[in-house]
Amino acid sequence: MHRRAEGSPVAGSTKLTAQHEHVIAGDTIAAISTPAGEGAIALVRISGVDAIAVADKMFRAKQKPSEFPPHVQHFGEIVDEAGRLIDQGMMSIHRAPASYTGEDLVEISCHGGTLVSARVLESCLRAGARGARPGEFTERAFLNGKMDLTQAEAVIDLIRAKTDLALRSATEQLEGRLGQQIKKIRDELVALVANIEASIDFPEEGIAPDDRLQLRARLDSIRKEMDALLATADQGRILREGVRVVIYGATNAGKSSLLNRLLGYERVIVSDTHGTTRDTIEELINLRGLPIRLLDTAGLRASTNDLERKGMARTEKSLETADLCLRIADRNAPKPADFETRSGNGAEIMLLNKSDLPEHGDWKNVDGLRISCATGEGLSCLEQEILNRITKENLRPESAVAINMRHRDCLRRAHQACGRALDAMSNGLAPEYVAVDLSDALHAVGEVLGAVDVEQILDSVFSQFCIGK
């Protein structure tokens, strides 16, 4: 069963299951859209064909909500099914299709207590709504053609953004910048498929050698556009999850002190006793607009303590998955015997700590940043070096568009399918073979926008949202 929402950016291409068809056609949903706990104001949303009828039953004002002009707040009383007062608040009506969900949408602002907001929601449910699933408001916006799937995903990125750059990336994706690039690729593939299928339907016309060269050039151009987007995958991971920066070194070199300094508060107890850090400690910082996941690890040394050895094993695992390693050593002490065996791999910064104390002669010719976790000396240089290393690894702050892992999987499959189509053209295979590969590419690109049968994808995307969004 197919149904197209008017104005959909991928018109005619979204296949809805019976569940999603029911979502658009009948249910009226309600949820608290503000975080749990006490606050000044709580927002309760109602959306669906009966949203305004539900509002009429549980809101008293000079006019009925069904008589309110759209997008205007009205003061009134929120009541239960027996007409007893629950709270006083504000209500606005947003009539379809001029609403976030594309349906009739009601927003109620009440006092932000946990109990009072729960009572307001209960009144909505008793008046005929049902509790919304996580992300269902935004899911309806997508299904009703208010946004494509990349924009829907940008909503959750916007909510979770921890830095200015992550916020800018999510905002640009919400505005449709990524969707426009994907749609351009999709339109170019559609035109290619149409050209190939025309030659299949009308074999007497054939495809001239010059036409084949033009088709190859167009397909090469499409693959380059995909390459450019695929190159942003690491940037997207960094913006959404943060850069994994692992602090490691010998015991008592200053790893925990460095973590505390970078965080700006005492997160870890610092002790002169060796081997006190037995586990990996992870914290997130905002380093000049970039999210950095700092990992303080167990010190590396020869040990007979089973617990300490397990901590060091975790350190080794953390080093394997790190984007950048901060190797720290105590320049006031002799160089460890096994120091040279642990050379950097290019994604590592050597730090010589305790620059406020005399330097041992062993470190005279060792290249590294001299810092002091005690005084803060050299930490601004360290922050700049971290940023330099990160930006060197394909992170471009001036380019905010960045794909996520789902987009990368779809585009990789599309890229591979285009490669097979090019091979088929080069080998002189019949147009039918080329058309099959291009159709595979078109399907994969369509998944990015939500332009194909994607029930499992939708469930995965919207399950990450809060209830009420």
Protein backbone atom coordinates (compact mmCIF):
# COMPACT_ATOMS: atom_id res chain seq x y z
CA MET A 1 0.00 0.00 0.00
CA HIS A 2 1.49 3.34 -1.06
CA ARG A 3 0.53 6.80 -0.03
CA ARG A 4 2.20 10.13 -0.74
CA ALA A 5 2.01 13.09 1.56
CA GLU A 6 1.41 16.29 -0.40
CA GLY A 7 4.48 18.45 -0.60
CA SER A 8 6.83 15.59 0.26
CA PRO A 9 10.40 16.33 -0.85
CA VAL A 10 10.54 12.78 -2.18
CA ALA A 11 7.03 12.69 -3.59
CA GLY A 12 5.64 9.36 -4.64
CA SER A 13 8.52 7.35 -3.25
CA THR A 14 7.87 6.70 0.44
CA LYS A 15 6.26 3.35 1.07
CA LEU A 16 4.26 3.33 4.28
CA THR A 17 3.38 0.20 6.19
CA ALA A 18 -0.07 -0.31 7.68
CA GLN A 19 1.34 0.97 10.97
CA HIS A 20 2.56 4.23 9.45
CA GLU A 21 -0.61 4.63 7.36
CA HIS A 22 -2.59 4.41 10.60
CA VAL A 23 -0.35 7.02 12.18
CA ILE A 24 -1.28 9.60 9.53
CA ALA A 25 -4.92 8.63 9.14
CA GLY A 26 -6.34 8.24 12.63
CA ASP A 27 -4.45 8.39 15.91
CA THR A 28 -4.28 11.51 18.03
CA ILE A 29 -1.20 11.54 20.24
CA ALA A 30 -0.12 13.54 23.28
CA ALA A 31 3.09 13.87 25.28
CA ILE A 32 5.04 16.13 27.61
CA SER A 33 7.72 17.72 25.42
CA THR A 34 9.87 19.29 28.13
CA PRO A 35 12.41 17.39 30.28
CA ALA A 36 11.25 15.50 33.35
CA GLY A 37 11.58 17.29 36.69
CA GLU A 38 10.66 20.68 38.08
CA GLY A 39 10.82 23.83 35.99
CA ALA A 40 9.05 27.10 35.36
CA ILE A 41 7.02 25.85 32.39
CA ALA A 42 6.11 22.45 30.96
CA LEU A 43 4.93 21.98 27.37
CA VAL A 44 2.32 19.37 26.49
CA ARG A 45 1.66 18.63 22.82
CA ILE A 46 -1.32 17.04 21.11
CA SER A 47 -1.29 16.11 17.40
CA GLY A 48 -3.74 14.34 15.10
CA VAL A 49 -7.19 14.61 13.54
CA ASP A 50 -8.92 14.92 16.92
CA ALA A 51 -6.32 17.17 18.58
CA ILE A 52 -8.58 20.23 18.64
CA ALA A 53 -11.57 18.18 19.82
CA VAL A 54 -9.41 16.90 22.70
CA ALA A 55 -8.46 20.49 23.52
CA ASP A 56 -12.15 21.50 23.62
CA LYS A 57 -12.78 18.90 26.33
CA MET A 58 -9.99 19.89 28.69
CA PHE A 59 -9.41 23.64 28.27
CA ARG A 60 -11.75 26.41 29.44
CA ALA A 61 -11.35 29.95 28.12
CA LYS A 62 -13.49 32.81 26.76
CA GLN A 63 -13.69 30.85 23.51
CA LYS A 64 -13.49 27.18 22.75
CA PRO A 65 -10.08 26.10 21.41
CA SER A 66 -11.80 25.10 18.16
CA GLU A 67 -12.65 28.81 17.73
CA PHE A 68 -9.12 30.07 18.41
CA PRO A 69 -7.28 31.74 15.52
CA PRO A 70 -4.13 29.77 14.65
CA HIS A 71 -0.69 30.47 16.15
CA VAL A 72 -2.04 32.70 18.93
CA GLN A 73 -1.72 31.86 22.63
CA HIS A 74 -4.82 32.01 24.83
CA PHE A 75 -5.01 31.99 28.61
CA GLY A 76 -7.42 29.58 30.28
CA GLU A 77 -8.00 26.73 32.70
CA ILE A 78 -6.94 23.13 32.22
CA VAL A 79 -9.54 20.75 33.67
CA ASP A 80 -10.02 17.02 34.12
CA GLU A 81 -12.89 14.92 32.74
CA ALA A 82 -15.12 15.99 35.66
CA GLY A 83 -14.43 19.67 35.03
CA ARG A 84 -12.19 20.08 38.09
CA LEU A 85 -9.37 22.59 37.78
CA ILE A 86 -5.88 21.13 37.28
CA ASP A 87 -3.92 24.26 36.39
CA GLN A 88 -4.04 27.58 34.61
CA GLY A 89 -2.01 27.93 31.46
CA MET A 90 -1.68 28.99 27.83
CA MET A 91 -2.87 27.13 24.72
CA SER A 92 -2.17 27.66 21.03
CA ILE A 93 -3.74 25.92 18.05
CA HIS A 94 -1.80 25.13 14.86
CA ARG A 95 -4.07 23.85 12.11
CA ALA A 96 -2.96 21.42 9.42
CA PRO A 97 -0.91 21.64 7.33
CA ALA A 98 0.74 24.71 8.89
CA SER A 99 2.19 22.91 11.90
CA TYR A 100 5.32 21.02 12.90
CA THR A 101 3.71 17.62 12.26
CA GLY A 102 1.58 18.67 9.28
CA GLU A 103 -1.51 17.72 11.33
CA ASP A 104 -3.70 19.71 13.70
CA LEU A 105 -1.35 20.45 16.60
CA VAL A 106 -2.18 21.81 20.05
CA GLU A 107 0.45 23.13 22.47
CA ILE A 108 -0.31 23.68 26.15
CA SER A 109 2.03 25.60 28.44
CA CYS A 110 1.37 24.78 32.10
CA HIS A 111 3.36 25.12 35.31
CA GLY A 112 6.46 22.94 35.28
CA GLY A 113 5.91 20.70 38.28
CA THR A 114 6.28 16.95 37.79
CA LEU A 115 2.81 16.16 39.14
CA VAL A 116 0.92 19.01 37.50
CA SER A 117 2.33 18.31 34.03
CA ALA A 118 1.53 14.61 34.45
CA ARG A 119 -2.06 15.54 35.39
CA VAL A 120 -2.37 17.76 32.31
CA LEU A 121 -1.15 14.91 30.11
CA GLU A 122 -3.56 12.51 31.82
CA SER A 123 -6.41 14.90 31.01
CA CYS A 124 -5.38 14.85 27.34
CA LEU A 125 -5.37 11.06 27.32
CA ARG A 126 -8.76 10.81 29.01
CA ALA A 127 -10.15 13.26 26.45
CA GLY A 128 -9.26 10.90 23.59
CA ALA A 129 -5.56 11.07 22.82
CA ARG A 130 -3.03 8.29 23.32
CA GLY A 131 0.53 8.51 24.62
CA ALA A 132 3.07 9.25 21.90
CA ARG A 133 5.96 6.94 21.11
CA PRO A 134 9.54 8.28 21.18
CA GLY A 135 10.06 10.61 18.22
CA GLU A 136 6.50 10.21 16.95
CA PHE A 137 5.86 13.94 16.46
CA THR A 138 8.92 14.25 14.23
CA GLU A 139 8.10 10.95 12.53
CA ARG A 140 4.71 12.38 11.57
CA ALA A 141 6.43 15.51 10.26
CA PHE A 142 8.51 13.26 8.00
CA LEU A 143 5.59 11.08 6.91
CA ASN A 144 3.49 14.16 6.16
CA GLY A 145 6.18 15.65 3.93
CA LYS A 146 7.31 18.45 6.28
CA MET A 147 10.93 17.26 6.13
CA ASP A 148 13.07 14.51 4.62
CA LEU A 149 14.78 11.87 6.74
CA THR A 150 18.10 13.74 6.91
CA GLN A 151 16.27 16.72 8.40
CA ALA A 152 14.47 14.48 10.88
CA GLU A 153 17.82 13.05 12.00
CA ALA A 154 19.14 16.61 12.34
CA VAL A 155 16.53 17.24 15.04
CA ILE A 156 18.13 14.69 17.36
CA ASP A 157 21.61 16.01 16.47
CA LEU A 158 20.41 19.52 17.35
CA ILE A 159 19.16 18.35 20.75
CA ARG A 160 22.37 16.44 21.50
CA ALA A 161 24.82 19.08 20.22
CA LYS A 162 27.55 19.80 22.78
CA THR A 163 29.58 22.38 20.83
CA ASP A 164 29.00 25.35 18.53
CA LEU A 165 30.32 23.44 15.51
CA ALA A 166 28.05 20.44 16.19
CA LEU A 167 25.12 22.84 16.61
CA ARG A 168 25.91 24.58 13.30
CA SER A 169 26.19 21.24 11.51
CA ALA A 170 22.82 20.08 12.88
CA THR A 171 21.19 23.42 12.02
CA GLU A 172 22.40 23.34 8.42
CA GLN A 173 21.23 19.75 8.06
CA LEU A 174 17.84 20.72 9.53
CA GLU A 175 17.61 23.50 6.96
CA GLY A 176 17.99 20.82 4.27
CA ARG A 177 21.54 21.42 3.05
CA LEU A 178 22.53 17.74 3.19
CA GLY A 179 19.16 16.66 1.83
CA GLN A 180 19.59 19.00 -1.13
CA GLN A 181 22.97 17.47 -1.98
CA ILE A 182 21.58 13.95 -1.72
CA LYS A 183 18.52 14.87 -3.77
CA LYS A 184 20.78 16.34 -6.48
CA ILE A 185 22.67 13.01 -6.68
CA ARG A 186 19.38 11.14 -6.77
CA ASP A 187 17.97 13.33 -9.57
CA GLU A 188 21.15 12.80 -11.61
CA LEU A 189 20.85 9.03 -11.15
CA VAL A 190 17.18 9.14 -12.15
CA ALA A 191 18.13 10.94 -15.37
CA LEU A 192 20.80 8.32 -16.11
CA VAL A 193 18.42 5.43 -15.44
CA ALA A 194 15.83 7.06 -17.70
CA ASN A 195 18.41 7.36 -20.48
CA ILE A 196 19.49 3.73 -20.15
CA GLU A 197 15.93 2.41 -19.95
CA ALA A 198 14.96 4.42 -23.02
CA SER A 199 17.61 2.54 -24.97
CA ILE A 200 16.18 -0.75 -23.64
CA ASP A 201 12.59 0.17 -24.54
CA PHE A 202 13.60 1.45 -27.95
CA PRO A 203 16.50 -0.81 -29.01
CA GLU A 204 16.38 0.44 -32.61
CA GLU A 205 17.66 3.79 -31.35
CA GLY A 206 20.63 2.24 -29.53
CA ILE A 207 23.29 4.16 -27.59
CA ALA A 208 25.93 5.80 -29.76
CA PRO A 209 29.61 5.58 -28.71
CA ASP A 210 29.58 9.31 -27.98
CA ASP A 211 26.53 8.82 -25.78
CA ARG A 212 28.33 6.06 -23.87
CA LEU A 213 31.25 8.40 -23.20
CA GLN A 214 28.85 11.06 -21.94
CA LEU A 215 27.08 8.55 -19.71
CA ARG A 216 30.40 7.43 -18.25
CA ALA A 217 31.42 11.04 -17.62
CA ARG A 218 28.11 11.78 -15.89
CA LEU A 219 28.42 8.66 -13.75
CA ASP A 220 32.01 9.55 -12.83
CA SER A 221 30.79 13.00 -11.78
CA ILE A 222 28.11 11.44 -9.56
CA ARG A 223 30.68 9.17 -7.90
CA LYS A 224 32.88 12.20 -7.15
CA GLU A 225 29.93 13.89 -5.46
CA MET A 226 29.47 10.75 -3.36
CA ASP A 227 33.20 10.71 -2.56
CA ALA A 228 32.97 14.28 -1.28
CA LEU A 229 30.13 13.37 1.08
CA LEU A 230 31.77 10.11 2.19
CA ALA A 231 34.86 12.10 3.14
CA THR A 232 32.78 13.91 5.78
CA ALA A 233 31.89 10.69 7.65
CA ASP A 234 34.74 11.02 10.15
CA GLN A 235 33.85 14.65 10.69
CA GLY A 236 30.25 13.62 11.36
CA ARG A 237 31.36 11.01 13.89
CA ILE A 238 33.56 13.57 15.64
CA LEU A 239 30.81 16.20 15.77
CA ARG A 240 28.24 13.74 17.10
CA GLU A 241 30.36 11.51 19.35
CA GLY A 242 33.52 13.50 19.99
CA VAL A 243 37.20 12.82 19.32
CA ARG A 244 38.57 9.95 21.40
CA VAL A 245 41.71 11.34 23.03
CA VAL A 246 43.51 8.83 25.26
CA ILE A 247 45.94 9.98 27.96
CA TYR A 248 48.50 7.28 28.71
CA GLY A 249 51.95 6.79 30.14
CA ALA A 250 53.81 5.42 33.14
CA THR A 251 52.36 5.58 36.62
CA ASN A 252 52.65 8.94 38.42
CA ALA A 253 53.50 10.78 35.18
CA GLY A 254 50.53 13.14 35.66
CA LYS A 255 47.74 11.56 33.60
CA SER A 256 44.97 12.24 36.11
CA SER A 257 46.35 15.72 36.82
CA LEU A 258 46.21 16.48 33.08
CA LEU A 259 42.61 15.27 32.89
CA ASN A 260 41.65 17.49 35.80
CA ARG A 261 43.42 20.48 34.21
CA LEU A 262 41.71 20.04 30.85
CA LEU A 263 38.32 19.55 32.50
CA GLY A 264 38.79 22.57 34.74
CA TYR A 265 37.82 20.79 37.95
CA GLU A 266 39.01 17.92 40.17
CA ARG A 267 37.37 14.91 38.50
CA VAL A 268 40.01 12.35 39.58
CA ILE A 269 41.78 11.96 42.92
CA VAL A 270 45.51 12.53 42.42
CA SER A 271 47.95 10.58 44.58
CA ASP A 272 51.70 10.01 44.74
CA THR A 273 51.01 6.30 45.20
CA HIS A 274 51.73 4.28 42.05
CA GLY A 275 48.94 2.41 40.33
CA THR A 276 45.98 4.21 41.94
CA THR A 277 44.11 4.54 38.60
CA ARG A 278 42.86 1.01 37.89
CA ASP A 279 40.10 1.77 35.38
CA THR A 280 39.48 3.97 32.34
CA ILE A 281 37.79 7.29 33.17
CA GLU A 282 36.03 9.14 30.34
CA GLU A 283 34.83 12.75 30.30
CA LEU A 284 33.63 15.14 27.56
CA ILE A 285 35.06 18.64 27.10
CA ASN A 286 34.35 21.42 24.62
CA LEU A 287 37.70 22.38 23.15
CA ARG A 288 37.22 25.59 21.12
CA GLY A 289 34.05 24.28 19.52
CA LEU A 290 35.01 20.62 19.16
CA PRO A 291 33.76 17.81 21.42
CA ILE A 292 36.68 15.90 22.93
CA ARG A 293 36.20 12.63 24.80
CA LEU A 294 39.14 12.48 27.20
CA LEU A 295 40.10 9.05 28.53
CA ASP A 296 42.35 8.80 31.58
CA THR A 297 43.87 5.32 31.69
CA ALA A 298 45.72 3.07 34.10
CA GLY A 299 49.46 3.70 34.23
CA LEU A 300 51.72 1.31 32.32
CA ARG A 301 54.38 -0.52 34.33
CA ALA A 302 55.39 -4.04 35.33
CA SER A 303 52.95 -5.21 38.01
CA THR A 304 51.98 -8.39 39.81
CA ASN A 305 48.61 -7.00 40.90
CA ASP A 306 45.79 -8.69 38.94
CA LEU A 307 43.49 -5.68 39.24
CA GLU A 308 46.16 -3.29 38.02
CA ARG A 309 47.02 -5.60 35.10
CA LYS A 310 43.36 -5.62 34.05
CA GLY A 311 43.42 -1.81 34.10
CA MET A 312 46.52 -1.78 31.89
CA ALA A 313 44.84 -4.20 29.48
CA ARG A 314 42.00 -1.69 29.16
CA THR A 315 44.56 1.00 28.48
CA GLU A 316 45.94 -1.01 25.55
CA LYS A 317 42.42 -1.47 24.14
CA SER A 318 41.73 2.24 24.47
CA LEU A 319 44.92 3.03 22.54
CA GLU A 320 43.78 0.80 19.67
CA THR A 321 40.55 2.78 19.19
CA ALA A 322 41.91 6.28 19.91
CA ASP A 323 41.71 9.13 17.41
CA LEU A 324 44.61 10.82 19.18
CA CYS A 325 46.95 9.71 21.99
CA LEU A 326 48.51 12.01 24.59
CA ARG A 327 51.61 10.23 25.86
CA ILE A 328 52.73 11.82 29.09
CA ALA A 329 56.03 11.36 30.90
CA ASP A 330 57.63 12.78 34.04
CA ARG A 331 60.60 14.89 32.83
CA ASN A 332 61.82 15.28 36.42
CA ALA A 333 62.43 11.52 36.68
CA PRO A 334 64.71 9.19 34.66
CA LYS A 335 63.40 7.92 31.35
CA PRO A 336 61.61 4.53 31.77
CA ALA A 337 63.58 1.56 30.46
CA ASP A 338 60.90 0.58 27.90
CA PHE A 339 60.20 4.14 26.75
CA GLU A 340 61.62 3.78 23.24
CA THR A 341 59.55 0.64 22.52
CA ARG A 342 56.37 2.70 22.69
CA SER A 343 56.97 5.11 19.84
CA GLY A 344 54.14 7.28 18.48
CA ASN A 345 52.15 6.41 15.36
CA GLY A 346 51.58 9.91 13.97
CA ALA A 347 48.32 10.36 15.89
CA GLU A 348 50.19 10.95 19.12
CA ILE A 349 51.47 13.97 21.03
CA MET A 350 54.42 13.54 23.37
CA LEU A 351 54.06 15.49 26.63
CA LEU A 352 56.87 16.05 29.11
CA ASN A 353 55.18 16.97 32.36
CA LYS A 354 56.46 18.87 35.42
CA SER A 355 58.19 21.67 33.54
CA ASP A 356 58.09 23.61 36.82
CA LEU A 357 60.75 21.19 38.15
CA PRO A 358 64.31 20.54 36.90
CA GLU A 359 64.53 18.32 33.82
CA HIS A 360 66.40 15.03 34.11
CA GLY A 361 69.24 14.65 31.62
CA ASP A 362 67.56 11.63 29.98
CA TRP A 363 64.98 13.95 28.37
CA LYS A 364 67.42 16.46 26.88
CA ASN A 365 67.04 15.29 23.27
CA VAL A 366 63.44 14.08 23.47
CA ASP A 367 61.08 16.08 21.27
CA GLY A 368 57.81 16.90 23.03
CA LEU A 369 55.66 19.62 24.54
CA ARG A 370 56.92 20.77 27.93
CA ILE A 371 53.94 21.28 30.22
CA SER A 372 53.17 21.57 33.90
CA CYS A 373 49.89 20.18 35.23
CA ALA A 374 50.71 21.87 38.54
CA THR A 375 50.98 25.42 37.17
CA GLY A 376 49.15 25.13 33.83
CA GLU A 377 52.24 26.08 31.84
CA GLY A 378 52.10 24.92 28.22
CA LEU A 379 48.45 23.79 28.33
CA SER A 380 47.28 26.42 25.83
CA CYS A 381 49.95 25.14 23.39
CA LEU A 382 48.70 21.61 24.02
CA GLU A 383 45.11 22.60 23.20
CA GLN A 384 46.25 24.19 19.94
CA GLU A 385 48.29 21.12 19.01
CA ILE A 386 45.29 18.87 19.68
CA LEU A 387 43.19 21.04 17.36
CA ASN A 388 45.92 20.99 14.71
CA ARG A 389 46.11 17.19 14.77
CA ILE A 390 42.33 16.79 14.63
CA THR A 391 41.83 19.21 11.74
CA LYS A 392 44.67 17.51 9.88
CA GLU A 393 42.67 14.27 9.96
CA ASN A 394 39.90 15.38 7.55
CA LEU A 395 38.07 17.62 9.99
CA ARG A 396 37.21 20.90 8.33
CA PRO A 397 35.50 23.37 10.68
CA GLU A 398 34.54 25.58 7.75
CA SER A 399 32.41 22.72 6.31
CA ALA A 400 29.52 21.98 8.64
CA VAL A 401 27.76 19.35 6.48
CA ALA A 402 28.72 15.92 7.75
CA ILE A 403 27.05 12.56 7.15
CA ASN A 404 26.34 10.04 9.88
CA MET A 405 27.04 6.30 9.88
CA ARG A 406 23.68 5.40 8.31
CA HIS A 407 24.26 7.87 5.48
CA ARG A 408 27.77 6.47 4.98
CA ASP A 409 26.48 2.90 4.65
CA CYS A 410 23.88 3.96 2.07
CA LEU A 411 26.33 6.06 0.05
CA ARG A 412 28.98 3.33 0.08
CA ARG A 413 26.50 0.88 -1.39
CA ALA A 414 25.44 3.45 -3.97
CA HIS A 415 29.08 4.17 -4.83
CA GLN A 416 29.82 0.46 -5.28
CA ALA A 417 26.74 0.02 -7.49
CA CYS A 418 27.85 2.94 -9.68
CA GLY A 419 31.27 1.29 -9.97
CA ARG A 420 29.64 -1.92 -11.19
CA ALA A 421 27.65 0.08 -13.73
CA LEU A 422 30.86 1.69 -15.03
CA ASP A 423 32.47 -1.74 -15.33
CA ALA A 424 29.45 -3.01 -17.25
CA MET A 425 29.73 -0.07 -19.65
CA SER A 426 33.47 -0.62 -20.10
CA ASN A 427 32.95 -4.32 -20.84
CA GLY A 428 30.28 -3.56 -23.43
CA LEU A 429 27.52 -5.39 -21.55
CA ALA A 430 23.89 -4.95 -22.52
CA PRO A 431 22.11 -1.85 -21.14
CA GLU A 432 19.95 -4.10 -18.94
CA TYR A 433 22.98 -4.91 -16.75
CA VAL A 434 23.85 -1.23 -16.40
CA ALA A 435 20.24 -0.39 -15.52
CA VAL A 436 20.17 -3.00 -12.73
CA ASP A 437 23.31 -1.54 -11.11
CA LEU A 438 22.06 2.03 -11.42
CA SER A 439 18.73 1.01 -9.90
CA ASP A 440 20.63 -0.44 -6.93
CA ALA A 441 22.48 2.86 -6.57
CA LEU A 442 19.24 4.82 -6.81
CA HIS A 443 17.65 2.66 -4.10
CA ALA A 444 20.62 3.14 -1.76
CA VAL A 445 20.62 6.92 -2.23
CA GLY A 446 16.86 6.95 -1.69
CA GLU A 447 17.37 5.32 1.71
CA VAL A 448 19.29 8.39 2.87
CA LEU A 449 16.25 10.60 2.26
CA GLY A 450 13.73 7.98 3.37
CA ALA A 451 12.50 7.72 -0.21
CA VAL A 452 12.03 3.94 -0.31
CA ASP A 453 10.51 1.14 1.78
CA VAL A 454 12.35 1.92 5.01
CA GLU A 455 10.20 0.82 7.94
CA GLN A 456 13.18 -0.61 9.85
CA ILE A 457 15.22 2.53 9.15
CA LEU A 458 12.41 4.76 10.43
CA ASP A 459 12.01 2.68 13.58
CA SER A 460 15.77 2.89 14.22
CA VAL A 461 15.96 6.65 13.62
CA PHE A 462 12.93 7.77 15.61
CA SER A 463 13.49 5.40 18.55
CA GLN A 464 16.47 7.61 19.51
CA PHE A 465 14.21 10.61 20.14
CA CYS A 466 12.68 11.71 23.42
CA ILE A 467 8.96 11.17 23.88
CA GLY A 468 7.23 14.42 22.92
CA LYS A 469 9.58 15.30 20.07
